[in-house]
PDB file of N, CA and C in Angstrom:
ATOM      1  N   UNK A   1       0.748  -1.559   0.048  1.00  0.00           N
ATOM      2  CA  UNK A   1       0.022   0.022  -0.060  1.00  0.00           C
ATOM      3  C   UNK A   1       0.823   0.742  -0.170  1.00  0.00           C
ATOM      4  N   UNK A   2       0.894   2.100  -0.666  1.00  0.00           N
ATOM      5  CA  UNK A   2       0.972   3.496  -1.152  1.00  0.00           C
ATOM      6  C   UNK A   2       1.387   4.172   0.217  1.00  0.00           C
ATOM      7  N   UNK A   3       2.123   5.217   0.656  1.00  0.00           N
ATOM      8  CA  UNK A   3       1.363   6.105   1.682  1.00  0.00           C
ATOM      9  C   UNK A   3       1.405   7.871   0.602  1.00  0.00           C
ATOM     10  N   UNK A   4       0.739   7.786   1.200  1.00  0.00           N
ATOM     11  CA  UNK A   4       0.866   9.554   0.818  1.00  0.00           C
ATOM     12  C   UNK A   4       0.818  10.540   2.505  1.00  0.00           C
ATOM     13  N   UNK A   5       1.145  11.836   1.496  1.00  0.00           N
ATOM     14  CA  UNK A   5       1.840  12.497   2.392  1.00  0.00           C
ATOM     15  C   UNK A   5       0.203  13.484   2.549  1.00  0.00           C
ATOM     16  N   UNK A   6      -0.206  14.112   4.131  1.00  0.00           N
ATOM     17  CA  UNK A   6      -0.821  14.837   3.595  1.00  0.00           C
ATOM     18  C   UNK A   6      -0.949  16.205   4.610  1.00  0.00           C
ATOM     19  N   UNK A   7       0.992  15.461   4.862  1.00  0.00           N
ATOM     20  CA  UNK A   7       1.342  17.523   5.587  1.00  0.00           C
ATOM     21  C   UNK A   7       1.070  18.455   3.964  1.00  0.00           C
ATOM     22  N   UNK A   8       1.106  18.631   3.620  1.00  0.00           N
ATOM     23  CA  UNK A   8       1.401  20.314   2.562  1.00  0.00           C
ATOM     24  C   UNK A   8      -0.732  20.352   2.171  1.00  0.00           C
ATOM     25  N   UNK A   9      -1.731  18.923   3.083  1.00  0.00           N
ATOM     26  CA  UNK A   9      -3.310  19.632   3.699  1.00  0.00           C
ATOM     27  C   UNK A   9      -3.595  19.895   3.998  1.00  0.00           C
ATOM     28  N   UNK A  10      -2.566  20.069   5.378  1.00  0.00           N
ATOM     29  CA  UNK A  10      -2.984  19.692   6.611  1.00  0.00           C
ATOM     30  C   UNK A  10      -2.370  21.492   6.939  1.00  0.00           C
ATOM     31  N   UNK A  11      -1.189  21.295   6.272  1.00  0.00           N
ATOM     32  CA  UNK A  11      -0.558  23.321   6.311  1.00  0.00           C
ATOM     33  C   UNK A  11      -1.411  24.101   5.036  1.00  0.00           C
ATOM     34  N   UNK A  12      -1.555  23.977   4.877  1.00  0.00           N
ATOM     35  CA  UNK A  12      -2.878  24.729   3.480  1.00  0.00           C
ATOM     36  C   UNK A  12      -4.265  24.653   4.532  1.00  0.00           C
ATOM     37  N   UNK A  13      -4.647  23.964   5.722  1.00  0.00           N
ATOM     38  CA  UNK A  13      -5.029  24.695   6.236  1.00  0.00           C
ATOM     39  C   UNK A  13      -6.247  23.902   6.346  1.00  0.00           C
ATOM     40  N   UNK A  14      -6.263  22.658   6.345  1.00  0.00           N
ATOM     41  CA  UNK A  14      -7.300  21.676   5.599  1.00  0.00           C
ATOM     42  C   UNK A  14      -7.401  20.893   6.786  1.00  0.00           C
ATOM     43  N   UNK A  15      -8.640  20.374   6.995  1.00  0.00           N
ATOM     44  CA  UNK A  15      -8.312  19.477   8.180  1.00  0.00           C
ATOM     45  C   UNK A  15      -8.065  18.389   8.010  1.00  0.00           C
ATOM     46  N   UNK A  16      -7.474  17.492   8.951  1.00  0.00           N
ATOM     47  CA  UNK A  16      -6.750  16.677   8.354  1.00  0.00           C
ATOM     48  C   UNK A  16      -7.877  15.033   8.352  1.00  0.00           C
ATOM     49  N   UNK A  17      -8.392  14.926   9.286  1.00  0.00           N
ATOM     50  CA  UNK A  17      -9.867  14.000   9.104  1.00  0.00           C
ATOM     51  C   UNK A  17     -10.334  14.063   7.660  1.00  0.00           C
ATOM     52  N   UNK A  18     -10.623  15.791   7.146  1.00  0.00           N
ATOM     53  CA  UNK A  18     -10.659  15.728   5.835  1.00  0.00           C
ATOM     54  C   UNK A  18     -10.298  14.990   3.980  1.00  0.00           C
ATOM     55  N   UNK A  19      -8.670  15.276   4.512  1.00  0.00           N
ATOM     56  CA  UNK A  19      -8.176  14.709   3.820  1.00  0.00           C
ATOM     57  C   UNK A  19      -7.669  13.457   3.995  1.00  0.00           C
ATOM     58  N   UNK A  20      -7.984  12.628   4.824  1.00  0.00           N
ATOM     59  CA  UNK A  20      -7.738  11.389   4.825  1.00  0.00           C
ATOM     60  C   UNK A  20      -9.141  10.515   4.280  1.00  0.00           C
ATOM     61  N   UNK A  21      -9.837  11.030   4.533  1.00  0.00           N
ATOM     62  CA  UNK A  21     -11.452  11.021   4.403  1.00  0.00           C
ATOM     63  C   UNK A  21     -11.777  10.691   2.638  1.00  0.00           C
ATOM     64  N   UNK A  22     -11.032  11.902   1.763  1.00  0.00           N
ATOM     65  CA  UNK A  22     -10.412  11.278   0.360  1.00  0.00           C
ATOM     66  C   UNK A  22      -9.451  10.436   0.242  1.00  0.00           C
ATOM     67  N   UNK A  23      -8.581  10.345   1.226  1.00  0.00           N
ATOM     68  CA  UNK A  23      -7.962   8.821   0.405  1.00  0.00           C
ATOM     69  C   UNK A  23      -8.856   8.076   0.280  1.00  0.00           C
ATOM     70  N   UNK A  24      -8.957   6.932   1.691  1.00  0.00           N
ATOM     71  CA  UNK A  24      -9.813   6.821   2.231  1.00  0.00           C
ATOM     72  C   UNK A  24     -10.860   5.510   0.744  1.00  0.00           C
ATOM     73  N   UNK A  25     -11.625   7.035   0.642  1.00  0.00           N
ATOM     74  CA  UNK A  25     -13.190   7.049  -0.409  1.00  0.00           C
ATOM     75  C   UNK A  25     -11.651   6.406  -1.830  1.00  0.00           C
ATOM     76  N   UNK A  26     -11.182   6.470  -2.445  1.00  0.00           N
ATOM     77  CA  UNK A  26     -10.702   6.517  -3.055  1.00  0.00           C
ATOM     78  C   UNK A  26      -9.841   5.104  -3.508  1.00  0.00           C
ATOM     79  N   UNK A  27     -10.284   4.445  -1.688  1.00  0.00           N
ATOM     80  CA  UNK A  27      -9.123   3.025  -1.901  1.00  0.00           C
ATOM     81  C   UNK A  27     -10.692   2.066  -2.107  1.00  0.00           C
ATOM     82  N   UNK A  28     -11.819   2.729  -1.755  1.00  0.00           N
ATOM     83  CA  UNK A  28     -13.136   2.353  -1.788  1.00  0.00           C
ATOM     84  C   UNK A  28     -13.815   3.010  -3.252  1.00  0.00           C
ATOM     85  N   UNK A  29     -13.337   2.794  -3.624  1.00  0.00           N
ATOM     86  CA  UNK A  29     -14.135   3.278  -5.167  1.00  0.00           C
ATOM     87  C   UNK A  29     -12.935   2.292  -5.847  1.00  0.00           C
ATOM     88  N   UNK A  30     -12.007   2.241  -4.996  1.00  0.00           N
ATOM     89  CA  UNK A  30     -10.864   1.138  -5.771  1.00  0.00           C
ATOM     90  C   UNK A  30     -10.323   2.150  -7.439  1.00  0.00           C
ATOM     91  N   UNK A  31     -10.025   3.492  -7.203  1.00  0.00           N
ATOM     92  CA  UNK A  31      -9.203   4.612  -7.275  1.00  0.00           C
ATOM     93  C   UNK A  31      -7.722   4.463  -7.486  1.00  0.00           C
ATOM     94  N   UNK A  32      -6.295   4.184  -7.829  1.00  0.00           N
ATOM     95  CA  UNK A  32      -5.182   4.506  -7.391  1.00  0.00           C
ATOM     96  C   UNK A  32      -5.464   5.640  -7.203  1.00  0.00           C
ATOM     97  N   UNK A  33      -4.454   5.762  -6.209  1.00  0.00           N
ATOM     98  CA  UNK A  33      -4.115   7.278  -5.752  1.00  0.00           C
ATOM     99  C   UNK A  33      -2.257   7.267  -5.333  1.00  0.00           C
ATOM    100  N   UNK A  34      -2.144   8.975  -6.019  1.00  0.00           N
ATOM    101  CA  UNK A  34      -0.595   8.296  -6.172  1.00  0.00           C
ATOM    102  C   UNK A  34      -0.319  10.169  -5.568  1.00  0.00           C
ATOM    103  N   UNK A  35       0.619  10.428  -4.703  1.00  0.00           N
ATOM    104  CA  UNK A  35       0.475  11.313  -4.382  1.00  0.00           C
ATOM    105  C   UNK A  35       0.431  12.610  -4.957  1.00  0.00           C
ATOM    106  N   UNK A  36       1.392  12.488  -7.013  1.00  0.00           N
ATOM    107  CA  UNK A  36       0.898  14.108  -7.123  1.00  0.00           C
ATOM    108  C   UNK A  36      -0.491  13.826  -7.882  1.00  0.00           C
ATOM    109  N   UNK A  37      -1.603  12.480  -7.904  1.00  0.00           N
ATOM    110  CA  UNK A  37      -3.034  12.499  -7.911  1.00  0.00           C
ATOM    111  C   UNK A  37      -3.888  13.411  -6.018  1.00  0.00           C
ATOM    112  N   UNK A  38      -3.117  13.525  -5.394  1.00  0.00           N
ATOM    113  CA  UNK A  38      -3.266  13.802  -4.125  1.00  0.00           C
ATOM    114  C   UNK A  38      -2.965  14.834  -3.933  1.00  0.00           C
ATOM    115  N   UNK A  39      -1.707  16.094  -4.271  1.00  0.00           N
ATOM    116  CA  UNK A  39      -1.256  16.883  -4.996  1.00  0.00           C
ATOM    117  C   UNK A  39      -2.365  18.014  -5.361  1.00  0.00           C
ATOM    118  N   UNK A  40      -3.144  17.217  -6.970  1.00  0.00           N
ATOM    119  CA  UNK A  40      -3.745  18.281  -7.542  1.00  0.00           C
ATOM    120  C   UNK A  40      -5.250  18.342  -6.627  1.00  0.00           C
ATOM    121  N   UNK A  41      -5.680  16.836  -6.175  1.00  0.00           N
ATOM    122  CA  UNK A  41      -6.465  17.833  -5.343  1.00  0.00           C
ATOM    123  C   UNK A  41      -6.479  18.141  -4.349  1.00  0.00           C
ATOM    124  N   UNK A  42      -5.720  18.935  -3.740  1.00  0.00           N
ATOM    125  CA  UNK A  42      -5.838  19.446  -2.387  1.00  0.00           C
ATOM    126  C   UNK A  42      -5.772  21.042  -3.107  1.00  0.00           C
ATOM    127  N   UNK A  43      -4.781  21.179  -4.764  1.00  0.00           N
ATOM    128  CA  UNK A  43      -4.657  22.304  -4.767  1.00  0.00           C
ATOM    129  C   UNK A  43      -6.141  23.019  -5.836  1.00  0.00           C
ATOM    130  N   UNK A  44      -6.454  22.022  -6.632  1.00  0.00           N
ATOM    131  CA  UNK A  44      -8.548  22.475  -6.726  1.00  0.00           C
ATOM    132  C   UNK A  44      -9.573  22.920  -5.063  1.00  0.00           C
ATOM    133  N   UNK A  45      -8.928  22.175  -4.417  1.00  0.00           N
ATOM    134  CA  UNK A  45      -9.666  22.401  -3.220  1.00  0.00           C
ATOM    135  C   UNK A  45      -9.137  23.317  -2.552  1.00  0.00           C
ATOM    136  N   UNK A  46      -7.781  23.800  -2.882  1.00  0.00           N
ATOM    137  CA  UNK A  46      -7.782  25.191  -1.907  1.00  0.00           C
ATOM    138  C   UNK A  46      -8.022  26.011  -3.226  1.00  0.00           C
ATOM    139  N   UNK A  47      -8.057  25.532  -4.573  1.00  0.00           N
ATOM    140  CA  UNK A  47      -8.809  26.302  -5.670  1.00  0.00           C
ATOM    141  C   UNK A  47      -9.946  26.734  -4.964  1.00  0.00           C
ATOM    142  N   UNK A  48     -11.455  26.229  -4.546  1.00  0.00           N
ATOM    143  CA  UNK A  48     -12.338  26.646  -4.724  1.00  0.00           C
ATOM    144  C   UNK A  48     -12.316  27.436  -3.205  1.00  0.00           C
ATOM    145  N   UNK A  49     -11.496  27.110  -2.391  1.00  0.00           N
ATOM    146  CA  UNK A  49     -11.493  28.371  -1.698  1.00  0.00           C
ATOM    147  C   UNK A  49     -11.560  29.742  -1.942  1.00  0.00           C
ATOM    148  N   UNK A  50     -10.568  30.023  -2.604  1.00  0.00           N
ATOM    149  CA  UNK A  50     -10.243  31.132  -3.586  1.00  0.00           C
ATOM    150  C   UNK A  50     -10.928  32.162  -4.538  1.00  0.00           C
ATOM    151  N   UNK A  51     -12.035  30.985  -4.987  1.00  0.00           N
ATOM    152  CA  UNK A  51     -12.680  31.437  -5.780  1.00  0.00           C
ATOM    153  C   UNK A  51     -13.875  31.818  -4.384  1.00  0.00           C
ATOM    154  N   UNK A  52     -13.755  31.450  -3.064  1.00  0.00           N
ATOM    155  CA  UNK A  52     -14.897  31.572  -2.354  1.00  0.00           C
ATOM    156  C   UNK A  52     -16.058  30.806  -2.669  1.00  0.00           C
ATOM    157  N   UNK A  53     -16.179  29.449  -2.961  1.00  0.00           N
ATOM    158  CA  UNK A  53     -17.064  28.741  -2.874  1.00  0.00           C
ATOM    159  C   UNK A  53     -17.010  28.482  -2.463  1.00  0.00           C
ATOM    160  N   UNK A  54     -16.958  27.525  -1.118  1.00  0.00           N
ATOM    161  CA  UNK A  54     -17.024  26.867   0.312  1.00  0.00           C
ATOM    162  C   UNK A  54     -14.886  26.938   0.155  1.00  0.00           C
ATOM    163  N   UNK A  55     -14.555  25.777   1.739  1.00  0.00           N
ATOM    164  CA  UNK A  55     -13.439  26.432   2.483  1.00  0.00           C
ATOM    165  C   UNK A  55     -12.861  24.848   1.334  1.00  0.00           C
ATOM    166  N   UNK A  56     -11.439  24.372   1.329  1.00  0.00           N
ATOM    167  CA  UNK A  56     -11.609  23.296   1.011  1.00  0.00           C
ATOM    168  C   UNK A  56     -11.281  22.109   1.476  1.00  0.00           C
ATOM    169  N   UNK A  57     -11.540  21.950   2.536  1.00  0.00           N
ATOM    170  CA  UNK A  57     -11.990  21.267   3.537  1.00  0.00           C
ATOM    171  C   UNK A  57     -13.203  20.717   2.349  1.00  0.00           C
ATOM    172  N   UNK A  58     -14.575  21.617   2.704  1.00  0.00           N
ATOM    173  CA  UNK A  58     -16.120  21.233   2.420  1.00  0.00           C
ATOM    174  C   UNK A  58     -15.605  20.425   0.904  1.00  0.00           C
ATOM    175  N   UNK A  59     -14.493  21.119   0.089  1.00  0.00           N
ATOM    176  CA  UNK A  59     -14.204  20.641  -1.348  1.00  0.00           C
ATOM    177  C   UNK A  59     -13.770  19.752  -0.992  1.00  0.00           C
ATOM    178  N   UNK A  60     -12.543  19.314  -0.056  1.00  0.00           N
ATOM    179  CA  UNK A  60     -12.549  17.615  -0.356  1.00  0.00           C
ATOM    180  C   UNK A  60     -13.613  16.619   0.063  1.00  0.00           C
ATOM    181  N   UNK A  61     -14.734  17.086   1.592  1.00  0.00           N
ATOM    182  CA  UNK A  61     -15.661  16.838   1.544  1.00  0.00           C
ATOM    183  C   UNK A  61     -17.077  16.715   0.165  1.00  0.00           C
ATOM    184  N   UNK A  62     -17.050  17.490   0.372  1.00  0.00           N
ATOM    185  CA  UNK A  62     -17.996  17.267  -1.442  1.00  0.00           C
ATOM    186  C   UNK A  62     -17.852  16.036  -2.052  1.00  0.00           C
ATOM    187  N   UNK A  63     -16.309  16.380  -2.935  1.00  0.00           N
ATOM    188  CA  UNK A  63     -16.269  15.259  -3.001  1.00  0.00           C
ATOM    189  C   UNK A  63     -16.186  14.083  -2.778  1.00  0.00           C
ATOM    190  N   UNK A  64     -15.542  13.792  -1.347  1.00  0.00           N
ATOM    191  CA  UNK A  64     -16.048  12.373  -1.413  1.00  0.00           C
ATOM    192  C   UNK A  64     -17.604  11.846  -1.321  1.00  0.00           C
ATOM    193  N   UNK A  65     -19.088  12.660  -0.936  1.00  0.00           N
ATOM    194  CA  UNK A  65     -19.888  12.816  -0.677  1.00  0.00           C
ATOM    195  C   UNK A  65     -20.264  12.136  -1.601  1.00  0.00           C
ATOM    196  N   UNK A  66     -19.892  13.111  -2.907  1.00  0.00           N
ATOM    197  CA  UNK A  66     -21.216  13.285  -3.991  1.00  0.00           C
ATOM    198  C   UNK A  66     -20.567  11.109  -4.684  1.00  0.00           C
ATOM    199  N   UNK A  67     -19.442  11.061  -3.987  1.00  0.00           N
ATOM    200  CA  UNK A  67     -18.457   9.930  -5.377  1.00  0.00           C
ATOM    201  C   UNK A  67     -17.824  10.103  -6.327  1.00  0.00           C
ATOM    202  N   UNK A  68     -17.297  11.526  -5.957  1.00  0.00           N
ATOM    203  CA  UNK A  68     -16.015  11.739  -7.497  1.00  0.00           C
ATOM    204  C   UNK A  68     -14.595  11.046  -6.937  1.00  0.00           C
ATOM    205  N   UNK A  69     -13.944  11.026  -7.644  1.00  0.00           N
ATOM    206  CA  UNK A  69     -12.564  10.633  -7.462  1.00  0.00           C
ATOM    207  C   UNK A  69     -11.831  11.674  -7.889  1.00  0.00           C
ATOM    208  N   UNK A  70     -12.173  12.900  -8.222  1.00  0.00           N
ATOM    209  CA  UNK A  70     -11.481  14.683  -7.851  1.00  0.00           C
ATOM    210  C   UNK A  70     -12.056  15.753  -7.831  1.00  0.00           C
ATOM    211  N   UNK A  71     -11.341  16.361  -8.351  1.00  0.00           N
ATOM    212  CA  UNK A  71     -11.706  17.219  -7.645  1.00  0.00           C
ATOM    213  C   UNK A  71     -11.997  19.058  -8.446  1.00  0.00           C
ATOM    214  N   UNK A  72     -13.161  19.366  -9.281  1.00  0.00           N
ATOM    215  CA  UNK A  72     -12.276  20.539 -10.513  1.00  0.00           C
ATOM    216  C   UNK A  72     -13.549  21.381  -9.560  1.00  0.00           C
ATOM    217  N   UNK A  73     -13.317  23.120  -9.848  1.00  0.00           N
ATOM    218  CA  UNK A  73     -14.088  23.706  -9.215  1.00  0.00           C
ATOM    219  C   UNK A  73     -15.379  23.896  -9.293  1.00  0.00           C
ATOM    220  N   UNK A  74     -15.494  24.281 -11.146  1.00  0.00           N
ATOM    221  CA  UNK A  74     -16.768  24.146 -11.477  1.00  0.00           C
ATOM    222  C   UNK A  74     -17.811  22.781 -11.354  1.00  0.00           C
ATOM    223  N   UNK A  75     -16.689  21.795 -10.390  1.00  0.00           N
ATOM    224  CA  UNK A  75     -17.982  20.712 -10.311  1.00  0.00           C
ATOM    225  C   UNK A  75     -18.223  20.749  -8.851  1.00  0.00           C
ATOM    226  N   UNK A  76     -18.015  21.623  -7.532  1.00  0.00           N
ATOM    227  CA  UNK A  76     -18.461  22.273  -7.255  1.00  0.00           C
ATOM    228  C   UNK A  76     -19.158  23.065  -6.757  1.00  0.00           C
ATOM    229  N   UNK A  77     -19.340  24.098  -7.457  1.00  0.00           N
ATOM    230  CA  UNK A  77     -20.001  25.183  -8.104  1.00  0.00           C
ATOM    231  C   UNK A  77     -21.742  24.954  -8.474  1.00  0.00           C
ATOM    232  N   UNK A  78     -21.787  23.832  -8.900  1.00  0.00           N
ATOM    233  CA  UNK A  78     -22.716  22.700  -9.199  1.00  0.00           C
ATOM    234  C   UNK A  78     -23.304  22.191  -8.270  1.00  0.00           C
ATOM    235  N   UNK A  79     -22.431  21.453  -7.715  1.00  0.00           N
ATOM    236  CA  UNK A  79     -23.031  21.043  -6.668  1.00  0.00           C
ATOM    237  C   UNK A  79     -23.600  21.254  -5.417  1.00  0.00           C
ATOM    238  N   UNK A  80     -22.666  23.147  -5.315  1.00  0.00           N
ATOM    239  CA  UNK A  80     -23.392  23.780  -4.745  1.00  0.00           C
ATOM    240  C   UNK A  80     -24.797  24.752  -4.471  1.00  0.00           C
ATOM    241  N   UNK A  81     -24.732  25.075  -5.572  1.00  0.00           N
ATOM    242  CA  UNK A  81     -25.439  25.706  -6.633  1.00  0.00           C
ATOM    243  C   UNK A  81     -27.223  24.896  -7.033  1.00  0.00           C
ATOM    244  N   UNK A  82     -26.560  23.937  -6.705  1.00  0.00           N
ATOM    245  CA  UNK A  82     -27.814  22.365  -7.033  1.00  0.00           C
ATOM    246  C   UNK A  82     -28.587  22.211  -5.165  1.00  0.00           C
ATOM    247  N   UNK A  83     -27.597  22.700  -4.406  1.00  0.00           N
ATOM    248  CA  UNK A  83     -28.171  22.604  -2.971  1.00  0.00           C
ATOM    249  C   UNK A  83     -28.626  24.160  -2.520  1.00  0.00           C
ATOM    250  N   UNK A  84     -28.631  24.579  -3.116  1.00  0.00           N
ATOM    251  CA  UNK A  84     -28.585  26.025  -2.300  1.00  0.00           C
ATOM    252  C   UNK A  84     -30.697  26.130  -2.996  1.00  0.00           C
ATOM    253  N   UNK A  85     -31.119  26.264  -1.817  1.00  0.00           N
ATOM    254  CA  UNK A  85     -32.134  26.945  -2.211  1.00  0.00           C
ATOM    255  C   UNK A  85     -32.817  27.615  -3.428  1.00  0.00           C
ATOM    256  N   UNK A  86     -34.155  27.578  -4.308  1.00  0.00           N
ATOM    257  CA  UNK A  86     -34.200  28.549  -5.419  1.00  0.00           C
ATOM    258  C   UNK A  86     -34.129  29.351  -5.341  1.00  0.00           C
ATOM    259  N   UNK A  87     -33.815  31.065  -5.643  1.00  0.00           N
ATOM    260  CA  UNK A  87     -34.827  32.070  -5.436  1.00  0.00           C
ATOM    261  C   UNK A  87     -35.348  32.797  -6.229  1.00  0.00           C
ATOM    262  N   UNK A  88     -36.311  33.143  -5.804  1.00  0.00           N
ATOM    263  CA  UNK A  88     -37.695  33.715  -6.468  1.00  0.00           C
ATOM    264  C   UNK A  88     -37.070  34.494  -7.700  1.00  0.00           C
ATOM    265  N   UNK A  89     -37.157  34.901  -8.745  1.00  0.00           N
ATOM    266  CA  UNK A  89     -36.557  35.871  -9.082  1.00  0.00           C
ATOM    267  C   UNK A  89     -38.028  37.090  -9.372  1.00  0.00           C
ATOM    268  N   UNK A  90     -38.330  37.618  -9.030  1.00  0.00           N
ATOM    269  CA  UNK A  90     -39.160  39.205  -9.000  1.00  0.00           C
ATOM    270  C   UNK A  90     -39.098  39.773 -10.958  1.00  0.00           C
ATOM    271  N   UNK A  91     -40.545  41.155 -11.260  1.00  0.00           N
ATOM    272  CA  UNK A  91     -40.223  41.180 -12.805  1.00  0.00           C
ATOM    273  C   UNK A  91     -39.415  41.999 -13.040  1.00  0.00           C
ATOM    274  N   UNK A  92     -37.925  42.198 -11.729  1.00  0.00           N
ATOM    275  CA  UNK A  92     -37.173  42.907 -12.398  1.00  0.00           C
ATOM    276  C   UNK A  92     -35.586  42.572 -12.596  1.00  0.00           C
ATOM    277  N   UNK A  93     -35.756  41.241 -12.318  1.00  0.00           N
ATOM    278  CA  UNK A  93     -33.847  40.553 -12.068  1.00  0.00           C
ATOM    279  C   UNK A  93     -33.621  40.721 -11.255  1.00  0.00           C
ATOM    280  N   UNK A  94     -34.592  40.533  -9.473  1.00  0.00           N
ATOM    281  CA  UNK A  94     -33.531  40.239  -8.715  1.00  0.00           C
ATOM    282  C   UNK A  94     -34.452  39.616  -7.606  1.00  0.00           C
ATOM    283  N   UNK A  95     -34.501  39.778  -6.469  1.00  0.00           N
ATOM    284  CA  UNK A  95     -34.769  39.107  -5.523  1.00  0.00           C
ATOM    285  C   UNK A  95     -36.390  39.638  -5.889  1.00  0.00           C
ATOM    286  N   UNK A  96     -37.059  37.868  -5.406  1.00  0.00           N
ATOM    287  CA  UNK A  96     -38.777  38.513  -5.232  1.00  0.00           C
ATOM    288  C   UNK A  96     -38.902  39.659  -3.997  1.00  0.00           C
ATOM    289  N   UNK A  97     -38.334  38.961  -3.363  1.00  0.00           N
ATOM    290  CA  UNK A  97     -38.341  40.007  -1.711  1.00  0.00           C
ATOM    291  C   UNK A  97     -37.884  41.262  -1.826  1.00  0.00           C
ATOM    292  N   UNK A  98     -37.115  41.693  -2.380  1.00  0.00           N
ATOM    293  CA  UNK A  98     -36.342  42.667  -2.922  1.00  0.00           C
ATOM    294  C   UNK A  98     -37.558  43.744  -3.973  1.00  0.00           C
ATOM    295  N   UNK A  99     -38.618  42.456  -4.892  1.00  0.00           N
ATOM    296  CA  UNK A  99     -39.177  43.509  -5.973  1.00  0.00           C
ATOM    297  C   UNK A  99     -40.368  43.668  -5.065  1.00  0.00           C
ATOM    298  N   UNK A 100     -40.377  43.046  -3.825  1.00  0.00           N
ATOM    299  CA  UNK A 100     -42.385  43.002  -3.215  1.00  0.00           C
ATOM    300  C   UNK A 100     -41.762  45.152  -2.419  1.00  0.00           C
ATOM    301  N   UNK A 101     -41.209  44.921  -2.326  1.00  0.00           N
ATOM    302  CA  UNK A 101     -40.057  46.042  -1.216  1.00  0.00           C
ATOM    303  C   UNK A 101     -39.719  47.410  -1.945  1.00  0.00           C
ATOM    304  N   UNK A 102     -39.757  46.888  -2.896  1.00  0.00           N
ATOM    305  CA  UNK A 102     -39.500  48.591  -4.022  1.00  0.00           C
ATOM    306  C   UNK A 102     -40.522  49.244  -4.118  1.00  0.00           C
ATOM    307  N   UNK A 103     -39.714  50.785  -3.222  1.00  0.00           N
ATOM    308  CA  UNK A 103     -40.987  51.982  -3.499  1.00  0.00           C
ATOM    309  C   UNK A 103     -40.277  53.205  -4.957  1.00  0.00           C
ATOM    310  N   UNK A 104     -39.786  52.548  -5.684  1.00  0.00           N
ATOM    311  CA  UNK A 104     -39.021  53.477  -6.660  1.00  0.00           C
ATOM    312  C   UNK A 104     -40.229  53.761  -8.047  1.00  0.00           C
ATOM    313  N   UNK A 105     -41.674  52.949  -7.536  1.00  0.00           N
ATOM    314  CA  UNK A 105     -42.395  52.641  -8.485  1.00  0.00           C
ATOM    315  C   UNK A 105     -43.178  54.141  -8.688  1.00  0.00           C
ATOM    316  N   UNK A 106     -43.106  55.003  -6.717  1.00  0.00           N
ATOM    317  CA  UNK A 106     -43.694  55.916  -7.261  1.00  0.00           C
ATOM    318  C   UNK A 106     -43.055  57.060  -6.915  1.00  0.00           C
ATOM    319  N   UNK A 107     -41.481  57.168  -7.407  1.00  0.00           N
ATOM    320  CA  UNK A 107     -40.876  58.165  -7.254  1.00  0.00           C
ATOM    321  C   UNK A 107     -41.186  58.979  -6.149  1.00  0.00           C
ATOM    322  N   UNK A 108     -41.302  60.521  -6.656  1.00  0.00           N
ATOM    323  CA  UNK A 108     -41.545  62.282  -5.018  1.00  0.00           C
ATOM    324  C   UNK A 108     -43.143  61.135  -5.090  1.00  0.00           C
ATOM    325  N   UNK A 109     -43.709  60.755  -4.652  1.00  0.00           N
ATOM    326  CA  UNK A 109     -44.683  60.255  -4.106  1.00  0.00           C
ATOM    327  C   UNK A 109     -45.232  60.337  -3.235  1.00  0.00           C
ATOM    328  N   UNK A 110     -44.152  59.423  -2.623  1.00  0.00           N
ATOM    329  CA  UNK A 110     -43.776  58.537  -1.194  1.00  0.00           C
ATOM    330  C   UNK A 110     -44.165  60.184  -0.763  1.00  0.00           C
ATOM    331  N   UNK A 111     -44.523  59.505   1.239  1.00  0.00           N
ATOM    332  CA  UNK A 111     -44.095  60.337   2.103  1.00  0.00           C
ATOM    333  C   UNK A 111     -44.015  59.318   3.091  1.00  0.00           C
ATOM    334  N   UNK A 112     -43.231  59.805   4.204  1.00  0.00           N
ATOM    335  CA  UNK A 112     -42.236  59.238   4.912  1.00  0.00           C
ATOM    336  C   UNK A 112     -43.365  59.326   6.064  1.00  0.00           C
ATOM    337  N   UNK A 113     -43.974  58.571   7.247  1.00  0.00           N
ATOM    338  CA  UNK A 113     -44.764  58.929   7.830  1.00  0.00           C
ATOM    339  C   UNK A 113     -43.680  57.622   9.325  1.00  0.00           C
ATOM    340  N   UNK A 114     -44.251  58.751  10.366  1.00  0.00           N
ATOM    341  CA  UNK A 114     -43.286  58.247  11.790  1.00  0.00           C
ATOM    342  C   UNK A 114     -42.417  59.609  12.547  1.00  0.00           C
ATOM    343  N   UNK A 115     -41.857  59.642  13.395  1.00  0.00           N
ATOM    344  CA  UNK A 115     -41.071  60.635  14.297  1.00  0.00           C
ATOM    345  C   UNK A 115     -40.728  60.951  13.764  1.00  0.00           C
ATOM    346  N   UNK A 116     -40.115  61.841  13.668  1.00  0.00           N
ATOM    347  CA  UNK A 116     -39.860  63.001  12.942  1.00  0.00           C
ATOM    348  C   UNK A 116     -39.504  64.143  14.148  1.00  0.00           C
TER     349      UNK A 116
END
């Protein structure tokens, strides 16, 4: 059995358990994992974090949860998009709640009522 050095992942702020889980996942799906392939997965997970998609640890967790043999930022982005609740869009291409509370239509005829 090959030994995979996870120190670069841990040094990058990825949780040790997530790195170990990714390695175990690859073994379970019978996809050989080299040090280079592991390093590439870690690099992609870190890229997900730098793009603001999720943390690198979460990217590894998503890959394991979805049964992926690797990680690509656009895969992670699509998975996150699928898991987020849909935002209802109003008539002006913005969230419905924002559209409903809009008073722009009233122009100068809006009168503020309240304590002065």
